[in-house]
């Protein structure tokens, strides 16, 4: 039996449905015959990639959304933080 390969677009669509509250994780998994642990991993990866959605920029401080929390760092610290991910 070969493994299914899902496109990034499909993974994003599934995760966005979960994050927007359109459907529950288990409901989506049942609908598409997906493993719930795999989808949880997709969600984690998606949130990690969205880590640096910038909310606002103020002088040398950068405010950004990190896993649903607003964080503030100075610009140099933020760059170091990004590179450590």
Protein backbone atom coordinates (compact mmCIF):
# COMPACT_ATOMS: atom_id res chain seq x y z
CA UNK A 1 0.00 0.00 0.00
CA UNK A 2 1.44 3.38 -0.99
CA UNK A 3 1.17 6.53 1.05
CA UNK A 4 -1.07 9.31 -0.14
CA UNK A 5 0.64 12.59 -0.86
CA UNK A 6 -1.37 15.73 -0.25
CA UNK A 7 -0.71 19.07 -1.85
CA UNK A 8 0.16 22.09 0.29
CA UNK A 9 -3.05 23.70 -0.98
CA UNK A 10 -5.15 20.80 0.29
CA UNK A 11 -3.38 20.79 3.66
CA UNK A 12 -3.91 24.55 4.02
CA UNK A 13 -7.58 24.25 3.12
CA UNK A 14 -8.10 21.53 5.75
CA UNK A 15 -6.25 23.47 8.44
CA UNK A 16 -8.01 26.75 7.65
CA UNK A 17 -11.38 25.01 7.98
CA UNK A 18 -10.35 23.84 11.45
CA UNK A 19 -8.93 27.22 12.54
CA UNK A 20 -11.94 29.14 11.25
CA UNK A 21 -14.25 26.83 13.16
CA UNK A 22 -16.09 25.78 10.01
CA UNK A 23 -15.68 22.11 10.92
CA UNK A 24 -14.28 20.09 13.80
CA UNK A 25 -11.02 18.23 13.26
CA UNK A 26 -12.63 14.79 13.57
CA UNK A 27 -15.41 15.77 11.19
CA UNK A 28 -12.90 16.84 8.52
CA UNK A 29 -10.81 13.71 9.04
CA UNK A 30 -13.85 11.49 8.60
CA UNK A 31 -14.99 13.43 5.53
CA UNK A 32 -11.63 13.08 3.75
CA UNK A 33 -10.55 9.77 5.31
CA UNK A 34 -7.54 11.40 7.02
CA UNK A 35 -5.66 10.39 10.15
CA UNK A 36 -6.35 12.90 12.93
CA UNK A 37 -2.73 12.87 14.17
CA UNK A 38 -1.52 13.71 10.68
CA UNK A 39 -3.95 16.63 10.46
CA UNK A 40 -2.88 17.87 13.91
CA UNK A 41 0.70 17.85 12.58
CA UNK A 42 -0.42 19.85 9.51
CA UNK A 43 -2.09 22.35 11.86
CA UNK A 44 1.08 22.67 13.95
CA UNK A 45 3.20 23.20 10.83
CA UNK A 46 0.74 25.75 9.47
CA UNK A 47 0.77 27.74 12.72
CA UNK A 48 4.55 27.57 12.80
CA UNK A 49 4.70 29.01 9.29
CA UNK A 50 2.29 31.79 10.29
CA UNK A 51 4.44 32.60 13.31
CA UNK A 52 5.65 35.89 11.93
CA UNK A 53 2.44 37.45 10.69
CA UNK A 54 3.32 40.99 11.53
CA UNK A 55 0.63 42.86 13.45
CA UNK A 56 2.31 46.24 13.75
CA UNK A 57 5.69 47.89 13.45
CA UNK A 58 6.69 50.63 15.91
CA UNK A 59 10.21 52.13 15.68
CA UNK A 60 12.66 49.34 16.48
CA UNK A 61 10.06 47.17 18.20
CA UNK A 62 8.19 44.62 16.15
CA UNK A 63 4.83 43.30 17.24
CA UNK A 64 3.85 39.98 15.74
CA UNK A 65 1.45 37.15 16.23
CA UNK A 66 3.03 33.99 17.58
CA UNK A 67 0.72 31.03 18.11
CA UNK A 68 -2.22 33.33 18.85
CA UNK A 69 -0.25 35.56 21.26
CA UNK A 70 0.96 39.06 20.43
CA UNK A 71 4.67 39.31 21.15
CA UNK A 72 7.04 42.27 21.11
CA UNK A 73 10.73 42.06 20.29
CA UNK A 74 13.25 44.51 19.01
CA UNK A 75 14.08 44.00 15.37
CA UNK A 76 17.49 42.35 15.87
CA UNK A 77 16.06 39.95 18.47
CA UNK A 78 13.21 39.10 16.13
CA UNK A 79 15.60 38.22 13.30
CA UNK A 80 17.62 35.99 15.63
CA UNK A 81 14.38 34.40 16.81
CA UNK A 82 13.24 33.74 13.23
CA UNK A 83 16.55 32.14 12.34
CA UNK A 84 16.35 29.81 15.34
CA UNK A 85 13.06 28.22 14.15
